[in-house]
Amino acid sequence: MTYYSVCFAILLAFASNYPITASAQSDELREVTGLPFSVDQPVIYGQVTFRGLSSTDNRPTVHVSLLVGGSSVERMKADDRGYFYFLRTPRNGSVLLFEVNEVEVGRQVLMAGSGARLRQDLEINWPAYRKSAQSKTVSVTSIYERISKNEKLFAIGTAALNKKKNSDAAQAFKQIVDSDPKDFVAWTELGTAYFNEGKISDADAAYEKALDLMPEYIVALINRGKLQLVQNNFENAIATFSSAVKADPANADAYHYLGESYLRIKLGSKAVAPLNEAIRLAPIEKADLHLRLAALYNAAGAKDKAAAEYKLFLQKMPNHPDKDKLTKYINENIK
């Protein structure tokens, strides 16, 4: 996955959640997924379409990721008609991240309402997108060309990862890197499969191989940094996340985990700036970081600053279960 952004102006419309009968939804979802659905099956789904795509243009590759709390919990490739779906309950504040040809084109914060199903469509002006993409220097970290066999294996491995079948995923990605040792993206995904299996040394070796091949590959940097946090290897984690920040200064996760690394070694003063930058880059996805900052300020005796962070948090998450407790703290300490 890549996080290099293209101008949001190319996004023409996000459809909002709208009423539809249960039977119509079930028929529609069966068409989208090819799967039978019960009436109460929770799902987030939609379609990405391209306005102005000519018959001579190669159809763009679309990936959609579901982010919860700023972290990707699932990523899938849209089908040939542009349909995507996640068998998950819609939650307010979750985010759909859209990529075209491995380049991020935008994000949509979900407003789930009260239903178990939510449809979010995206229409892209293809001529405007292509012009915008060509006017930018797209990093080679975003693209890796594979032979057909390896591309199929990559799809199998990705699907297995999404289903938490990590052993199957590792097997698929291992076949790819055995066939093509230069595929830094497959090395990264192999590392993640190993990481999920608890094979820490194997995961670290796979991430290291990916970064040897492509030192600025943001996914490998962030995942290796997370692995180092799990190992309590905080100094190396700081170095890794610092490299991630340099590789992609617009990546909120890089700043988030850099700040977290500083907190782990009790350098709260150094954590403040990256945590605030993460919030600036992803104000809804990273709203929980206001709570981290508030706890930091409260421990330092700066209760007015802690109250200010709680206030900012409740502005974004007004229905949080701890609203009453946080409001009481704000009223007692805000200046």
C-alpha atoms as a PDB file:
ATOM      1  CA  MET A   1       0.000   0.000   0.000  1.00  0.00           C
ATOM      2  CA  THR A   2       1.122   3.540  -0.660  1.00  0.00           C
ATOM      3  CA  TYR A   3       0.107   6.839   0.827  1.00  0.00           C
ATOM      4  CA  TYR A   4       1.253   9.330  -1.801  1.00  0.00           C
ATOM      5  CA  SER A   5      -1.689  11.641  -2.300  1.00  0.00           C
ATOM      6  CA  VAL A   6      -3.283  13.083  -5.390  1.00  0.00           C
ATOM      7  CA  CYS A   7      -5.284  16.331  -5.262  1.00  0.00           C
ATOM      8  CA  PHE A   8      -8.684  15.856  -3.642  1.00  0.00           C
ATOM      9  CA  ALA A   9     -10.261  17.994  -6.388  1.00  0.00           C
ATOM     10  CA  ILE A  10     -10.408  14.915  -8.604  1.00  0.00           C
ATOM     11  CA  LEU A  11     -13.025  13.372  -6.322  1.00  0.00           C
ATOM     12  CA  LEU A  12     -16.377  14.479  -7.674  1.00  0.00           C
ATOM     13  CA  ALA A  13     -18.858  12.892  -5.312  1.00  0.00           C
ATOM     14  CA  PHE A  14     -19.269  10.570  -2.340  1.00  0.00           C
ATOM     15  CA  ALA A  15     -22.770   9.147  -2.094  1.00  0.00           C
ATOM     16  CA  SER A  16     -24.308   9.382   1.363  1.00  0.00           C
ATOM     17  CA  ASN A  17     -26.114   6.581   3.140  1.00  0.00           C
ATOM     18  CA  TYR A  18     -29.653   6.399   1.823  1.00  0.00           C
ATOM     19  CA  PRO A  19     -32.791   4.379   2.606  1.00  0.00           C
ATOM     20  CA  ILE A  20     -33.292   1.138   0.716  1.00  0.00           C
ATOM     21  CA  THR A  21     -35.404  -1.902   1.410  1.00  0.00           C
ATOM     22  CA  ALA A  22     -33.838  -4.986   2.927  1.00  0.00           C
ATOM     23  CA  SER A  23     -34.778  -7.167  -0.028  1.00  0.00           C
ATOM     24  CA  ALA A  24     -33.302  -4.696  -2.501  1.00  0.00           C
ATOM     25  CA  GLN A  25     -30.121  -4.513  -0.443  1.00  0.00           C
ATOM     26  CA  SER A  26     -29.816  -8.276  -0.347  1.00  0.00           C
ATOM     27  CA  ASP A  27     -30.258  -8.527  -4.127  1.00  0.00           C
ATOM     28  CA  GLU A  28     -27.785  -5.712  -4.657  1.00  0.00           C
ATOM     29  CA  LEU A  29     -25.208  -7.220  -2.314  1.00  0.00           C
ATOM     30  CA  ARG A  30     -25.554 -10.600  -3.979  1.00  0.00           C
ATOM     31  CA  GLU A  31     -24.780  -8.886  -7.285  1.00  0.00           C
ATOM     32  CA  VAL A  32     -21.826  -7.009  -5.773  1.00  0.00           C
ATOM     33  CA  THR A  33     -20.226  -9.937  -3.972  1.00  0.00           C
ATOM     34  CA  GLY A  34     -21.605 -13.068  -5.541  1.00  0.00           C
ATOM     35  CA  LEU A  35     -22.412 -14.233  -2.012  1.00  0.00           C
ATOM     36  CA  PRO A  36     -25.769 -14.940  -0.355  1.00  0.00           C
ATOM     37  CA  PHE A  37     -26.582 -12.436   2.380  1.00  0.00           C
ATOM     38  CA  SER A  38     -28.972 -12.597   5.286  1.00  0.00           C
ATOM     39  CA  VAL A  39     -31.039  -9.511   5.960  1.00  0.00           C
ATOM     40  CA  ASP A  40     -29.086  -8.696   9.130  1.00  0.00           C
ATOM     41  CA  GLN A  41     -25.567  -9.168   7.663  1.00  0.00           C
ATOM     42  CA  PRO A  42     -23.516  -6.052   8.518  1.00  0.00           C
ATOM     43  CA  VAL A  43     -21.555  -4.707   5.552  1.00  0.00           C
ATOM     44  CA  ILE A  44     -19.814  -1.613   4.227  1.00  0.00           C
ATOM     45  CA  TYR A  45     -19.799  -1.556   0.452  1.00  0.00           C
ATOM     46  CA  GLY A  46     -19.858   0.639  -2.625  1.00  0.00           C
ATOM     47  CA  GLN A  47     -18.670   1.196  -6.160  1.00  0.00           C
ATOM     48  CA  VAL A  48     -15.835   3.263  -7.613  1.00  0.00           C
ATOM     49  CA  THR A  49     -16.578   4.558 -11.114  1.00  0.00           C
ATOM     50  CA  PHE A  50     -14.574   6.624 -13.587  1.00  0.00           C
ATOM     51  CA  ARG A  51     -16.165   9.412 -15.566  1.00  0.00           C
ATOM     52  CA  GLY A  52     -14.534   9.969 -18.933  1.00  0.00           C
ATOM     53  CA  LEU A  53     -12.710   6.616 -19.124  1.00  0.00           C
ATOM     54  CA  SER A  54     -12.427   5.777 -22.826  1.00  0.00           C
ATOM     55  CA  SER A  55     -12.592   2.324 -24.348  1.00  0.00           C
ATOM     56  CA  THR A  56      -8.882   2.589 -25.234  1.00  0.00           C
ATOM     57  CA  ASP A  57      -7.771   3.308 -21.661  1.00  0.00           C
ATOM     58  CA  ASN A  58      -6.547   0.481 -19.470  1.00  0.00           C
ATOM     59  CA  ARG A  59      -8.955   0.103 -16.583  1.00  0.00           C
ATOM     60  CA  PRO A  60      -7.337   1.514 -13.419  1.00  0.00           C
ATOM     61  CA  THR A  61      -6.675  -0.781 -10.472  1.00  0.00           C
ATOM     62  CA  VAL A  62      -8.654   0.273  -7.410  1.00  0.00           C
ATOM     63  CA  HIS A  63      -7.934  -0.707  -3.819  1.00  0.00           C
ATOM     64  CA  VAL A  64     -10.065   0.306  -0.845  1.00  0.00           C
ATOM     65  CA  SER A  65      -8.930   0.118   2.780  1.00  0.00           C
ATOM     66  CA  LEU A  66     -11.036   0.312   5.926  1.00  0.00           C
ATOM     67  CA  LEU A  67      -9.308   2.293   8.678  1.00  0.00           C
ATOM     68  CA  VAL A  68     -10.380   2.157  12.312  1.00  0.00           C
ATOM     69  CA  GLY A  69      -8.559   4.365  14.786  1.00  0.00           C
ATOM     70  CA  GLY A  70      -6.175   5.387  12.024  1.00  0.00           C
ATOM     71  CA  SER A  71      -4.980   1.831  11.343  1.00  0.00           C
ATOM     72  CA  SER A  72      -5.936  -0.325   8.373  1.00  0.00           C
ATOM     73  CA  VAL A  73      -7.999  -3.328   9.456  1.00  0.00           C
ATOM     74  CA  GLU A  74      -8.769  -4.598   5.962  1.00  0.00           C
ATOM     75  CA  ARG A  75      -7.821  -3.805   2.370  1.00  0.00           C
ATOM     76  CA  MET A  76      -9.345  -5.205  -0.785  1.00  0.00           C
ATOM     77  CA  LYS A  77      -9.123  -4.819  -4.535  1.00  0.00           C
ATOM     78  CA  ALA A  78     -12.323  -3.635  -6.197  1.00  0.00           C
ATOM     79  CA  ASP A  79     -13.652  -5.948  -8.899  1.00  0.00           C
ATOM     80  CA  ASP A  80     -13.800  -5.164 -12.609  1.00  0.00           C
ATOM     81  CA  ARG A  81     -17.013  -3.188 -12.087  1.00  0.00           C
ATOM     82  CA  GLY A  82     -15.492  -1.178  -9.261  1.00  0.00           C
ATOM     83  CA  TYR A  83     -17.404  -2.856  -6.441  1.00  0.00           C
ATOM     84  CA  PHE A  84     -15.871  -3.380  -2.994  1.00  0.00           C
ATOM     85  CA  TYR A  85     -17.221  -4.633   0.337  1.00  0.00           C
ATOM     86  CA  PHE A  86     -16.208  -5.248   3.951  1.00  0.00           C
ATOM     87  CA  LEU A  87     -18.222  -7.638   6.112  1.00  0.00           C
ATOM     88  CA  ARG A  88     -18.034  -5.356   9.109  1.00  0.00           C
ATOM     89  CA  THR A  89     -20.472  -3.225  11.089  1.00  0.00           C
ATOM     90  CA  PRO A  90     -20.293   0.453  10.035  1.00  0.00           C
ATOM     91  CA  ARG A  91     -18.945   2.642  12.826  1.00  0.00           C
ATOM     92  CA  ASN A  92     -18.865   6.416  13.045  1.00  0.00           C
ATOM     93  CA  GLY A  93     -15.374   7.790  12.581  1.00  0.00           C
ATOM     94  CA  SER A  94     -14.131   4.817  10.556  1.00  0.00           C
ATOM     95  CA  VAL A  95     -12.528   5.797   7.266  1.00  0.00           C
ATOM     96  CA  LEU A  96     -12.489   4.423   3.740  1.00  0.00           C
ATOM     97  CA  LEU A  97      -9.181   5.063   1.974  1.00  0.00           C
ATOM     98  CA  PHE A  98      -9.270   4.885  -1.825  1.00  0.00           C
ATOM     99  CA  GLU A  99      -6.267   4.135  -4.046  1.00  0.00           C
ATOM    100  CA  VAL A 100      -6.054   4.188  -7.828  1.00  0.00           C
ATOM    101  CA  ASN A 101      -3.070   2.397  -9.372  1.00  0.00           C
ATOM    102  CA  GLU A 102      -1.512   2.191  -5.879  1.00  0.00           C
ATOM    103  CA  VAL A 103      -1.779   5.962  -5.322  1.00  0.00           C
ATOM    104  CA  GLU A 104      -4.055   7.355  -2.627  1.00  0.00           C
ATOM    105  CA  VAL A 105      -6.738   9.620  -4.087  1.00  0.00           C
ATOM    106  CA  GLY A 106      -8.824  10.380  -1.017  1.00  0.00           C
ATOM    107  CA  ARG A 107     -10.510   9.354   2.193  1.00  0.00           C
ATOM    108  CA  GLN A 108     -14.103   9.367   3.379  1.00  0.00           C
ATOM    109  CA  VAL A 109     -15.079   9.447   7.061  1.00  0.00           C
ATOM    110  CA  LEU A 110     -18.069   7.181   7.684  1.00  0.00           C
ATOM    111  CA  MET A 111     -21.233   8.436   9.314  1.00  0.00           C
ATOM    112  CA  ALA A 112     -22.864   5.138  10.041  1.00  0.00           C
ATOM    113  CA  GLY A 113     -26.293   6.139  11.290  1.00  0.00           C
ATOM    114  CA  SER A 114     -28.292   3.346  12.891  1.00  0.00           C
ATOM    115  CA  GLY A 115     -28.201   0.671  10.191  1.00  0.00           C
ATOM    116  CA  ALA A 116     -26.025  -2.406   9.865  1.00  0.00           C
ATOM    117  CA  ARG A 117     -25.272  -1.558   6.234  1.00  0.00           C
ATOM    118  CA  LEU A 118     -23.671   1.419   4.631  1.00  0.00           C
ATOM    119  CA  ARG A 119     -23.016   2.202   0.981  1.00  0.00           C
ATOM    120  CA  GLN A 120     -20.317   4.708  -0.037  1.00  0.00           C
ATOM    121  CA  ASP A 121     -19.769   5.319  -3.749  1.00  0.00           C
ATOM    122  CA  LEU A 122     -16.947   7.253  -5.360  1.00  0.00           C
ATOM    123  CA  GLU A 123     -16.858   8.822  -8.811  1.00  0.00           C
ATOM    124  CA  ILE A 124     -13.547   9.981 -10.254  1.00  0.00           C
ATOM    125  CA  ASN A 125     -13.066  12.321 -13.185  1.00  0.00           C
ATOM    126  CA  TRP A 126     -10.595  10.172 -15.112  1.00  0.00           C
ATOM    127  CA  PRO A 127      -9.138  12.872 -17.429  1.00  0.00           C
ATOM    128  CA  ALA A 128      -8.585  15.176 -14.429  1.00  0.00           C
ATOM    129  CA  TYR A 129      -7.046  12.366 -12.402  1.00  0.00           C
ATOM    130  CA  ARG A 130      -4.692  11.367 -15.198  1.00  0.00           C
ATOM    131  CA  LYS A 131      -3.581  14.962 -15.741  1.00  0.00           C
ATOM    132  CA  SER A 132      -3.010  15.431 -12.007  1.00  0.00           C
ATOM    133  CA  ALA A 133      -1.093  12.150 -11.681  1.00  0.00           C
ATOM    134  CA  GLN A 134       1.114  12.958 -14.663  1.00  0.00           C
ATOM    135  CA  SER A 135       1.944  16.369 -13.238  1.00  0.00           C
ATOM    136  CA  LYS A 136       3.384  14.800 -10.097  1.00  0.00           C
ATOM    137  CA  THR A 137       6.432  12.657  -9.570  1.00  0.00           C
ATOM    138  CA  VAL A 138       5.017   9.343  -8.421  1.00  0.00           C
ATOM    139  CA  SER A 139       7.509   7.413  -6.336  1.00  0.00           C
ATOM    140  CA  VAL A 140       8.604   4.034  -7.635  1.00  0.00           C
ATOM    141  CA  THR A 141       7.740   2.741  -4.175  1.00  0.00           C
ATOM    142  CA  SER A 142       4.090   2.756  -5.232  1.00  0.00           C
ATOM    143  CA  ILE A 143       4.419   0.316  -8.125  1.00  0.00           C
ATOM    144  CA  TYR A 144       5.917  -3.110  -8.629  1.00  0.00           C
ATOM    145  CA  GLU A 145       5.305  -4.982 -11.858  1.00  0.00           C
ATOM    146  CA  ARG A 146       4.835  -8.735 -11.525  1.00  0.00           C
ATOM    147  CA  ILE A 147       4.483 -11.592 -13.933  1.00  0.00           C
ATOM    148  CA  SER A 148       0.953 -12.968 -14.175  1.00  0.00           C
ATOM    149  CA  LYS A 149       1.634 -15.973 -11.959  1.00  0.00           C
ATOM    150  CA  ASN A 150       3.035 -13.811  -9.150  1.00  0.00           C
ATOM    151  CA  GLU A 151       0.199 -11.317  -9.470  1.00  0.00           C
ATOM    152  CA  LYS A 152      -2.261 -14.146  -8.895  1.00  0.00           C
ATOM    153  CA  LEU A 153      -0.232 -15.360  -5.914  1.00  0.00           C
ATOM    154  CA  PHE A 154      -0.211 -11.815  -4.526  1.00  0.00           C
ATOM    155  CA  ALA A 155      -4.004 -11.671  -4.744  1.00  0.00           C
ATOM    156  CA  ILE A 156      -4.227 -15.049  -2.988  1.00  0.00           C
ATOM    157  CA  GLY A 157      -1.859 -13.906  -0.254  1.00  0.00           C
ATOM    158  CA  THR A 158      -3.703 -10.633   0.265  1.00  0.00           C
ATOM    159  CA  ALA A 159      -7.052 -12.412   0.508  1.00  0.00           C
ATOM    160  CA  ALA A 160      -5.583 -14.849   3.030  1.00  0.00           C
ATOM    161  CA  LEU A 161      -4.226 -11.966   5.125  1.00  0.00           C
ATOM    162  CA  ASN A 162      -7.647 -10.307   5.127  1.00  0.00           C
ATOM    163  CA  LYS A 163      -9.171 -13.562   6.388  1.00  0.00           C
ATOM    164  CA  LYS A 164      -6.406 -13.890   9.022  1.00  0.00           C
ATOM    165  CA  LYS A 165      -5.154 -17.087   7.369  1.00  0.00           C
ATOM    166  CA  ASN A 166      -1.583 -16.010   7.959  1.00  0.00           C
ATOM    167  CA  SER A 167       0.087 -19.341   7.229  1.00  0.00           C
ATOM    168  CA  ASP A 168      -1.597 -19.485   3.802  1.00  0.00           C
ATOM    169  CA  ALA A 169      -0.639 -15.872   3.166  1.00  0.00           C
ATOM    170  CA  ALA A 170       2.990 -16.504   4.082  1.00  0.00           C
ATOM    171  CA  GLN A 171       3.108 -19.480   1.742  1.00  0.00           C
ATOM    172  CA  ALA A 172       1.831 -17.388  -1.177  1.00  0.00           C
ATOM    173  CA  PHE A 173       4.169 -14.458  -0.565  1.00  0.00           C
ATOM    174  CA  LYS A 174       7.117 -16.811  -0.024  1.00  0.00           C
ATOM    175  CA  GLN A 175       6.515 -18.309  -3.463  1.00  0.00           C
ATOM    176  CA  ILE A 176       6.611 -14.810  -4.943  1.00  0.00           C
ATOM    177  CA  VAL A 177       9.911 -13.773  -3.356  1.00  0.00           C
ATOM    178  CA  ASP A 178      11.467 -17.130  -4.196  1.00  0.00           C
ATOM    179  CA  SER A 179      10.534 -16.460  -7.806  1.00  0.00           C
ATOM    180  CA  ASP A 180      11.368 -12.735  -7.735  1.00  0.00           C
ATOM    181  CA  PRO A 181      13.641 -11.712  -4.831  1.00  0.00           C
ATOM    182  CA  LYS A 182      13.364  -8.029  -5.827  1.00  0.00           C
ATOM    183  CA  ASP A 183       9.636  -7.760  -5.054  1.00  0.00           C
ATOM    184  CA  PHE A 184       9.872  -5.473  -2.013  1.00  0.00           C
ATOM    185  CA  VAL A 185       6.085  -5.282  -1.674  1.00  0.00           C
ATOM    186  CA  ALA A 186       5.800  -9.072  -1.416  1.00  0.00           C
ATOM    187  CA  TRP A 187       8.663  -9.124   1.109  1.00  0.00           C
ATOM    188  CA  THR A 188       6.702  -6.591   3.170  1.00  0.00           C
ATOM    189  CA  GLU A 189       3.496  -8.617   3.060  1.00  0.00           C
ATOM    190  CA  LEU A 190       5.451 -11.761   3.919  1.00  0.00           C
ATOM    191  CA  GLY A 191       6.800  -9.916   6.952  1.00  0.00           C
ATOM    192  CA  THR A 192       3.270  -9.009   7.989  1.00  0.00           C
ATOM    193  CA  ALA A 193       2.071 -12.604   7.657  1.00  0.00           C
ATOM    194  CA  TYR A 194       4.977 -13.759   9.830  1.00  0.00           C
ATOM    195  CA  PHE A 195       4.342 -10.908  12.296  1.00  0.00           C
ATOM    196  CA  ASN A 196       0.704 -11.970  12.648  1.00  0.00           C
ATOM    197  CA  GLU A 197       1.851 -15.553  13.305  1.00  0.00           C
ATOM    198  CA  GLY A 198       4.194 -14.367  16.050  1.00  0.00           C
ATOM    199  CA  LYS A 199       7.305 -15.274  14.041  1.00  0.00           C
ATOM    200  CA  ILE A 200       9.079 -12.084  15.044  1.00  0.00           C
ATOM    201  CA  SER A 201      12.593 -12.838  13.790  1.00  0.00           C
ATOM    202  CA  ASP A 202      11.276 -14.044  10.421  1.00  0.00           C
ATOM    203  CA  ALA A 203       9.077 -10.951  10.134  1.00  0.00           C
ATOM    204  CA  ASP A 204      11.963  -8.630  10.928  1.00  0.00           C
ATOM    205  CA  ALA A 205      14.163 -10.335   8.334  1.00  0.00           C
ATOM    206  CA  ALA A 206      11.443  -9.955   5.683  1.00  0.00           C
ATOM    207  CA  TYR A 207      10.944  -6.261   6.487  1.00  0.00           C
ATOM    208  CA  GLU A 208      14.716  -5.738   6.416  1.00  0.00           C
ATOM    209  CA  LYS A 209      14.877  -7.333   2.964  1.00  0.00           C
ATOM    210  CA  ALA A 210      12.076  -5.075   1.720  1.00  0.00           C
ATOM    211  CA  LEU A 211      13.857  -1.984   3.036  1.00  0.00           C
ATOM    212  CA  ASP A 212      17.188  -3.070   1.581  1.00  0.00           C
ATOM    213  CA  LEU A 213      15.442  -3.090  -1.793  1.00  0.00           C
ATOM    214  CA  MET A 214      13.388   0.081  -1.242  1.00  0.00           C
ATOM    215  CA  PRO A 215      14.531   2.091   1.821  1.00  0.00           C
ATOM    216  CA  GLU A 216      11.646   4.572   1.623  1.00  0.00           C
ATOM    217  CA  TYR A 217       8.807   2.066   1.289  1.00  0.00           C
ATOM    218  CA  ILE A 218       6.417   3.476   3.858  1.00  0.00           C
ATOM    219  CA  VAL A 219       4.473   0.279   4.616  1.00  0.00           C
ATOM    220  CA  ALA A 220       7.634  -1.677   5.420  1.00  0.00           C
ATOM    221  CA  LEU A 221       8.946   1.184   7.554  1.00  0.00           C
ATOM    222  CA  ILE A 222       5.780   1.481   9.624  1.00  0.00           C
ATOM    223  CA  ASN A 223       5.282  -2.255  10.038  1.00  0.00           C
ATOM    224  CA  ARG A 224       8.890  -2.814  11.033  1.00  0.00           C
ATOM    225  CA  GLY A 225       8.604   0.037  13.520  1.00  0.00           C
ATOM    226  CA  LYS A 226       5.521  -1.593  15.041  1.00  0.00           C
ATOM    227  CA  LEU A 227       7.405  -4.858  15.305  1.00  0.00           C
ATOM    228  CA  GLN A 228      10.219  -3.053  17.131  1.00  0.00           C
ATOM    229  CA  LEU A 229       7.681  -1.562  19.537  1.00  0.00           C
ATOM    230  CA  VAL A 230       6.379  -5.057  20.288  1.00  0.00           C
ATOM    231  CA  GLN A 231       9.955  -6.101  21.019  1.00  0.00           C
ATOM    232  CA  ASN A 232      10.387  -3.074  23.332  1.00  0.00           C
ATOM    233  CA  ASN A 233      13.204  -2.027  21.021  1.00  0.00           C
ATOM    234  CA  PHE A 234      12.289   1.616  21.395  1.00  0.00           C
ATOM    235  CA  GLU A 235      15.487   3.267  20.173  1.00  0.00           C
ATOM    236  CA  ASN A 236      15.313   1.379  16.880  1.00  0.00           C
ATOM    237  CA  ALA A 237      11.599   2.074  16.635  1.00  0.00           C
ATOM    238  CA  ILE A 238      12.292   5.796  16.936  1.00  0.00           C
ATOM    239  CA  ALA A 239      14.884   5.556  14.169  1.00  0.00           C
ATOM    240  CA  THR A 240      12.504   3.580  11.947  1.00  0.00           C
ATOM    241  CA  PHE A 241       9.523   5.893  12.430  1.00  0.00           C
ATOM    242  CA  SER A 242      11.780   8.929  11.935  1.00  0.00           C
ATOM    243  CA  SER A 243      12.723   7.428   8.564  1.00  0.00           C
ATOM    244  CA  ALA A 244       9.020   6.894   7.845  1.00  0.00           C
ATOM    245  CA  VAL A 245       8.290  10.562   8.550  1.00  0.00           C
ATOM    246  CA  LYS A 246      11.025  11.566   6.103  1.00  0.00           C
ATOM    247  CA  ALA A 247       9.802   9.095   3.493  1.00  0.00           C
ATOM    248  CA  ASP A 248       6.205  10.312   3.661  1.00  0.00           C
ATOM    249  CA  PRO A 249       5.683  13.572   5.600  1.00  0.00           C
ATOM    250  CA  ALA A 250       1.921  13.306   5.008  1.00  0.00           C
ATOM    251  CA  ASN A 251       1.543   9.954   6.750  1.00  0.00           C
ATOM    252  CA  ALA A 252      -0.307  10.275  10.044  1.00  0.00           C
ATOM    253  CA  ASP A 253       0.642   6.772  11.221  1.00  0.00           C
ATOM    254  CA  ALA A 254       4.347   7.600  10.959  1.00  0.00           C
ATOM    255  CA  TYR A 255       3.963  10.571  13.319  1.00  0.00           C
ATOM    256  CA  HIS A 256       1.570   8.674  15.598  1.00  0.00           C
ATOM    257  CA  TYR A 257       3.950   5.808  16.238  1.00  0.00           C
ATOM    258  CA  LEU A 258       6.980   8.069  16.446  1.00  0.00           C
ATOM    259  CA  GLY A 259       5.216   9.880  19.271  1.00  0.00           C
ATOM    260  CA  GLU A 260       4.220   6.569  20.840  1.00  0.00           C
ATOM    261  CA  SER A 261       7.849   5.431  20.748  1.00  0.00           C
ATOM    262  CA  TYR A 262       8.934   8.524  22.649  1.00  0.00           C
ATOM    263  CA  LEU A 263       6.194   7.953  25.211  1.00  0.00           C
ATOM    264  CA  ARG A 264       7.420   4.405  25.793  1.00  0.00           C
ATOM    265  CA  ILE A 265      10.819   5.695  26.937  1.00  0.00           C
ATOM    266  CA  LYS A 266       9.209   8.473  28.989  1.00  0.00           C
ATOM    267  CA  LEU A 267      10.270  11.314  26.703  1.00  0.00           C
ATOM    268  CA  GLY A 268       6.875  12.956  26.710  1.00  0.00           C
ATOM    269  CA  SER A 269       8.230  16.352  25.697  1.00  0.00           C
ATOM    270  CA  LYS A 270       9.482  14.834  22.423  1.00  0.00           C
ATOM    271  CA  ALA A 271       6.207  12.975  21.854  1.00  0.00           C
ATOM    272  CA  VAL A 272       4.009  16.086  21.785  1.00  0.00           C
ATOM    273  CA  ALA A 273       5.036  17.428  18.374  1.00  0.00           C
ATOM    274  CA  PRO A 274       4.627  14.178  16.367  1.00  0.00           C
ATOM    275  CA  LEU A 275       1.344  13.337  18.105  1.00  0.00           C
ATOM    276  CA  ASN A 276      -0.029  16.775  17.264  1.00  0.00           C
ATOM    277  CA  GLU A 277       1.126  16.406  13.675  1.00  0.00           C
ATOM    278  CA  ALA A 278      -0.656  13.048  13.429  1.00  0.00           C
ATOM    279  CA  ILE A 279      -3.843  14.722  14.642  1.00  0.00           C
ATOM    280  CA  ARG A 280      -3.420  17.563  12.136  1.00  0.00           C
ATOM    281  CA  LEU A 281      -3.021  15.119   9.257  1.00  0.00           C
ATOM    282  CA  ALA A 282      -5.883  12.820  10.296  1.00  0.00           C
ATOM    283  CA  PRO A 283      -8.106  14.747  12.736  1.00  0.00           C
ATOM    284  CA  ILE A 284     -10.869  12.137  12.966  1.00  0.00           C
ATOM    285  CA  GLU A 285      -8.889   8.918  12.580  1.00  0.00           C
ATOM    286  CA  LYS A 286      -6.396  10.089  15.206  1.00  0.00           C
ATOM    287  CA  ALA A 287      -8.882  11.690  17.592  1.00  0.00           C
ATOM    288  CA  ASP A 288      -7.888   9.242  20.346  1.00  0.00           C
ATOM    289  CA  LEU A 289      -4.471  10.889  20.443  1.00  0.00           C
ATOM    290  CA  HIS A 290      -6.093  13.826  22.199  1.00  0.00           C
ATOM    291  CA  LEU A 291      -6.603  11.394  25.086  1.00  0.00           C
ATOM    292  CA  ARG A 292      -2.916  10.408  25.002  1.00  0.00           C
ATOM    293  CA  LEU A 293      -1.888  14.053  25.097  1.00  0.00           C
ATOM    294  CA  ALA A 294      -4.375  14.807  27.869  1.00  0.00           C
ATOM    295  CA  ALA A 295      -2.984  11.983  30.013  1.00  0.00           C
ATOM    296  CA  LEU A 296       0.528  13.284  29.374  1.00  0.00           C
ATOM    297  CA  TYR A 297      -0.397  16.824  30.391  1.00  0.00           C
ATOM    298  CA  ASN A 298      -2.362  15.630  33.407  1.00  0.00           C
ATOM    299  CA  ALA A 299       0.629  13.618  34.658  1.00  0.00           C
ATOM    300  CA  ALA A 300       2.798  16.715  34.273  1.00  0.00           C
ATOM    301  CA  GLY A 301       0.340  18.803  36.303  1.00  0.00           C
ATOM    302  CA  ALA A 302      -0.758  20.887  33.284  1.00  0.00           C
ATOM    303  CA  LYS A 303      -4.436  20.229  33.869  1.00  0.00           C
ATOM    304  CA  ASP A 304      -5.587  23.201  31.814  1.00  0.00           C
ATOM    305  CA  LYS A 305      -3.821  21.743  28.766  1.00  0.00           C
ATOM    306  CA  ALA A 306      -5.263  18.315  29.535  1.00  0.00           C
ATOM    307  CA  ALA A 307      -8.741  19.834  29.723  1.00  0.00           C
ATOM    308  CA  ALA A 308      -8.206  21.540  26.371  1.00  0.00           C
ATOM    309  CA  GLU A 309      -7.293  18.189  24.787  1.00  0.00           C
ATOM    310  CA  TYR A 310     -10.371  16.525  26.279  1.00  0.00           C
ATOM    311  CA  LYS A 311     -12.498  19.342  24.899  1.00  0.00           C
ATOM    312  CA  LEU A 312     -11.060  18.884  21.405  1.00  0.00           C
ATOM    313  CA  PHE A 313     -11.649  15.142  21.660  1.00  0.00           C
ATOM    314  CA  LEU A 314     -15.328  15.535  22.598  1.00  0.00           C
ATOM    315  CA  GLN A 315     -15.850  17.965  19.733  1.00  0.00           C
ATOM    316  CA  LYS A 316     -14.886  15.111  17.414  1.00  0.00           C
ATOM    317  CA  MET A 317     -16.406  12.249  19.417  1.00  0.00           C
ATOM    318  CA  PRO A 318     -19.442  13.803  21.144  1.00  0.00           C
ATOM    319  CA  ASN A 319     -21.039  10.449  21.983  1.00  0.00           C
ATOM    320  CA  HIS A 320     -18.016   8.871  23.661  1.00  0.00           C
ATOM    321  CA  PRO A 321     -18.945   6.619  26.627  1.00  0.00           C
ATOM    322  CA  ASP A 322     -16.751   8.716  28.976  1.00  0.00           C
ATOM    323  CA  LYS A 323     -18.333  11.999  27.915  1.00  0.00           C
ATOM    324  CA  ASP A 324     -19.708  12.858  31.369  1.00  0.00           C
ATOM    325  CA  LYS A 325     -16.420  12.124  33.129  1.00  0.00           C
ATOM    326  CA  LEU A 326     -14.418  14.115  30.590  1.00  0.00           C
ATOM    327  CA  THR A 327     -16.864  17.007  30.708  1.00  0.00           C
ATOM    328  CA  LYS A 328     -16.544  17.135  34.487  1.00  0.00           C
ATOM    329  CA  TYR A 329     -12.736  17.270  34.180  1.00  0.00           C
ATOM    330  CA  ILE A 330     -13.004  20.037  31.575  1.00  0.00           C
ATOM    331  CA  ASN A 331     -15.334  22.150  33.728  1.00  0.00           C
ATOM    332  CA  GLU A 332     -13.051  21.762  36.732  1.00  0.00           C
ATOM    333  CA  ASN A 333      -9.797  22.583  34.961  1.00  0.00           C
ATOM    334  CA  ILE A 334     -10.350  24.638  31.816  1.00  0.00           C
ATOM    335  CA  LYS A 335      -9.132  28.236  31.998  1.00  0.00           C
END
